[in-house]
Amino acid sequence: MPMKGSKVGVLGMVVLGLLLIVEFASGMSICNMNDDGLTSCKPSVTQPNPVEPSASCCEALSGADLSCLCSYRNSFVLPSLGIDPQLALALPTKCNLTSPPNC
């Protein structure tokens, strides 16, 4: 169970990065994810009708610096950007990724 929570935390960081890039800095990257990668995950972390993560979302997440993304785990920014933290935290698991041990 702790591993699942870690994966969810990583996803939250990724989603936060996605929204930050999309909303504030087009063309930049965060934690080794460019805005295209971050944007591809947004439909999976927003209500009211989230979708399963796409292959492009999971691919972008697999190349991300998950430890870096973990630093956003408890940020207030996710909800302020319309991201459901519960959905964001579930992305790594849905993409079959392993989270860093301390995430």
C-alpha atoms as a PDB file:
ATOM      1  CA  MET A   1       0.000   0.000   0.000  1.00  0.00           C
ATOM      2  CA  PRO A   2       2.783   2.534   0.730  1.00  0.00           C
ATOM      3  CA  MET A   3       4.097   2.016  -2.769  1.00  0.00           C
ATOM      4  CA  LYS A   4       0.701   2.806  -4.253  1.00  0.00           C
ATOM      5  CA  GLY A   5       0.525   6.028  -2.252  1.00  0.00           C
ATOM      6  CA  SER A   6       3.976   6.939  -3.476  1.00  0.00           C
ATOM      7  CA  LYS A   7       2.941   6.465  -7.058  1.00  0.00           C
ATOM      8  CA  VAL A   8      -0.068   8.630  -6.513  1.00  0.00           C
ATOM      9  CA  GLY A   9       2.130  11.340  -5.036  1.00  0.00           C
ATOM     10  CA  VAL A  10       4.391  11.249  -8.039  1.00  0.00           C
ATOM     11  CA  LEU A  11       1.480  11.633 -10.362  1.00  0.00           C
ATOM     12  CA  GLY A  12       0.269  14.613  -8.408  1.00  0.00           C
ATOM     13  CA  MET A  13       3.597  16.251  -8.976  1.00  0.00           C
ATOM     14  CA  VAL A  14       3.425  15.518 -12.665  1.00  0.00           C
ATOM     15  CA  VAL A  15      -0.037  16.939 -12.967  1.00  0.00           C
ATOM     16  CA  LEU A  16       0.958  20.025 -11.042  1.00  0.00           C
ATOM     17  CA  GLY A  17       3.860  20.495 -13.398  1.00  0.00           C
ATOM     18  CA  LEU A  18       1.530  20.015 -16.343  1.00  0.00           C
ATOM     19  CA  LEU A  19      -0.803  22.720 -15.223  1.00  0.00           C
ATOM     20  CA  LEU A  20       1.955  25.105 -14.261  1.00  0.00           C
ATOM     21  CA  ILE A  21       3.506  24.789 -17.666  1.00  0.00           C
ATOM     22  CA  VAL A  22       0.259  24.990 -19.587  1.00  0.00           C
ATOM     23  CA  GLU A  23      -1.051  27.913 -17.574  1.00  0.00           C
ATOM     24  CA  PHE A  24       2.081  29.978 -17.014  1.00  0.00           C
ATOM     25  CA  ALA A  25       4.968  29.109 -19.324  1.00  0.00           C
ATOM     26  CA  SER A  26       4.355  27.643 -22.740  1.00  0.00           C
ATOM     27  CA  GLY A  27       7.408  25.901 -24.155  1.00  0.00           C
ATOM     28  CA  MET A  28       9.116  25.299 -20.819  1.00  0.00           C
ATOM     29  CA  SER A  29       9.564  22.012 -19.016  1.00  0.00           C
ATOM     30  CA  ILE A  30       9.339  20.898 -15.421  1.00  0.00           C
ATOM     31  CA  CYS A  31      10.926  17.797 -13.935  1.00  0.00           C
ATOM     32  CA  ASN A  32      11.877  16.594 -17.437  1.00  0.00           C
ATOM     33  CA  MET A  33       8.316  16.852 -18.775  1.00  0.00           C
ATOM     34  CA  ASN A  34       7.549  19.354 -21.515  1.00  0.00           C
ATOM     35  CA  ASP A  35       4.193  21.075 -21.786  1.00  0.00           C
ATOM     36  CA  ASP A  36       2.970  18.549 -24.391  1.00  0.00           C
ATOM     37  CA  GLY A  37       3.599  15.701 -21.974  1.00  0.00           C
ATOM     38  CA  LEU A  38       1.972  17.532 -19.105  1.00  0.00           C
ATOM     39  CA  THR A  39      -1.005  18.540 -21.211  1.00  0.00           C
ATOM     40  CA  SER A  40      -1.554  14.943 -22.299  1.00  0.00           C
ATOM     41  CA  CYS A  41      -2.229  14.008 -18.654  1.00  0.00           C
ATOM     42  CA  LYS A  42      -4.677  16.808 -17.874  1.00  0.00           C
ATOM     43  CA  PRO A  43      -7.859  14.982 -19.032  1.00  0.00           C
ATOM     44  CA  SER A  44      -7.046  12.216 -16.553  1.00  0.00           C
ATOM     45  CA  VAL A  45      -6.876  14.493 -13.528  1.00  0.00           C
ATOM     46  CA  THR A  46      -9.769  16.888 -14.013  1.00  0.00           C
ATOM     47  CA  GLN A  47     -13.410  16.508 -13.039  1.00  0.00           C
ATOM     48  CA  PRO A  48     -16.200  15.941 -13.794  1.00  0.00           C
ATOM     49  CA  ASN A  49     -15.368  13.215 -16.314  1.00  0.00           C
ATOM     50  CA  PRO A  50     -11.741  12.108 -15.979  1.00  0.00           C
ATOM     51  CA  VAL A  51     -10.473   9.589 -18.501  1.00  0.00           C
ATOM     52  CA  GLU A  52      -7.874   6.843 -18.226  1.00  0.00           C
ATOM     53  CA  PRO A  53      -4.356   8.171 -18.893  1.00  0.00           C
ATOM     54  CA  SER A  54      -3.379   8.048 -22.537  1.00  0.00           C
ATOM     55  CA  ALA A  55      -0.284   6.308 -23.842  1.00  0.00           C
ATOM     56  CA  SER A  56       1.280   9.734 -24.417  1.00  0.00           C
ATOM     57  CA  CYS A  57       0.570  10.723 -20.808  1.00  0.00           C
ATOM     58  CA  CYS A  58       2.154   7.546 -19.457  1.00  0.00           C
ATOM     59  CA  GLU A  59       5.102   7.887 -21.825  1.00  0.00           C
ATOM     60  CA  ALA A  60       5.706  11.457 -20.674  1.00  0.00           C
ATOM     61  CA  LEU A  61       5.392  10.408 -17.047  1.00  0.00           C
ATOM     62  CA  SER A  62       7.839   7.538 -17.562  1.00  0.00           C
ATOM     63  CA  GLY A  63      10.520   9.986 -18.697  1.00  0.00           C
ATOM     64  CA  ALA A  64       9.916  12.460 -15.901  1.00  0.00           C
ATOM     65  CA  ASP A  65      12.106  13.014 -12.874  1.00  0.00           C
ATOM     66  CA  LEU A  66       9.693  11.451 -10.397  1.00  0.00           C
ATOM     67  CA  SER A  67      11.698  12.605  -7.385  1.00  0.00           C
ATOM     68  CA  CYS A  68      11.387  16.166  -8.651  1.00  0.00           C
ATOM     69  CA  LEU A  69       7.669  15.721  -9.197  1.00  0.00           C
ATOM     70  CA  CYS A  70       7.292  14.412  -5.649  1.00  0.00           C
ATOM     71  CA  SER A  71       8.214  17.843  -4.346  1.00  0.00           C
ATOM     72  CA  TYR A  72       4.783  19.061  -5.505  1.00  0.00           C
ATOM     73  CA  ARG A  73       2.834  16.345  -3.701  1.00  0.00           C
ATOM     74  CA  ASN A  74       1.208  18.508  -1.024  1.00  0.00           C
ATOM     75  CA  SER A  75       0.993  21.736  -2.988  1.00  0.00           C
ATOM     76  CA  PHE A  76      -2.138  23.875  -2.886  1.00  0.00           C
ATOM     77  CA  VAL A  77      -1.584  24.600  -6.560  1.00  0.00           C
ATOM     78  CA  LEU A  78      -3.224  21.419  -7.869  1.00  0.00           C
ATOM     79  CA  PRO A  79      -6.758  22.258  -6.718  1.00  0.00           C
ATOM     80  CA  SER A  80      -6.303  25.892  -7.723  1.00  0.00           C
ATOM     81  CA  LEU A  81      -5.602  24.729 -11.285  1.00  0.00           C
ATOM     82  CA  GLY A  82      -8.645  22.484 -11.437  1.00  0.00           C
ATOM     83  CA  ILE A  83      -6.701  19.289 -10.805  1.00  0.00           C
ATOM     84  CA  ASP A  84      -8.244  16.698  -8.542  1.00  0.00           C
ATOM     85  CA  PRO A  85      -5.393  15.607  -6.241  1.00  0.00           C
ATOM     86  CA  GLN A  86      -6.898  12.130  -5.802  1.00  0.00           C
ATOM     87  CA  LEU A  87      -6.918  11.596  -9.559  1.00  0.00           C
ATOM     88  CA  ALA A  88      -3.416  13.005  -9.912  1.00  0.00           C
ATOM     89  CA  LEU A  89      -2.057  10.700  -7.245  1.00  0.00           C
ATOM     90  CA  ALA A  90      -3.469   7.684  -9.066  1.00  0.00           C
ATOM     91  CA  LEU A  91      -1.655   8.301 -12.378  1.00  0.00           C
ATOM     92  CA  PRO A  92       1.631   6.494 -11.682  1.00  0.00           C
ATOM     93  CA  THR A  93      -0.260   3.368 -10.670  1.00  0.00           C
ATOM     94  CA  LYS A  94      -2.464   3.593 -13.743  1.00  0.00           C
ATOM     95  CA  CYS A  95       0.677   3.950 -15.870  1.00  0.00           C
ATOM     96  CA  ASN A  96       2.406   0.997 -14.144  1.00  0.00           C
ATOM     97  CA  LEU A  97       5.280   3.135 -12.870  1.00  0.00           C
ATOM     98  CA  THR A  98       7.395   2.748  -9.758  1.00  0.00           C
ATOM     99  CA  SER A  99       7.618   5.784  -7.508  1.00  0.00           C
ATOM    100  CA  PRO A 100      10.790   6.905  -5.751  1.00  0.00           C
ATOM    101  CA  PRO A 101      11.085   5.328  -2.289  1.00  0.00           C
ATOM    102  CA  ASN A 102      10.591   8.565  -0.340  1.00  0.00           C
ATOM    103  CA  CYS A 103       7.704   9.942  -2.335  1.00  0.00           C
END
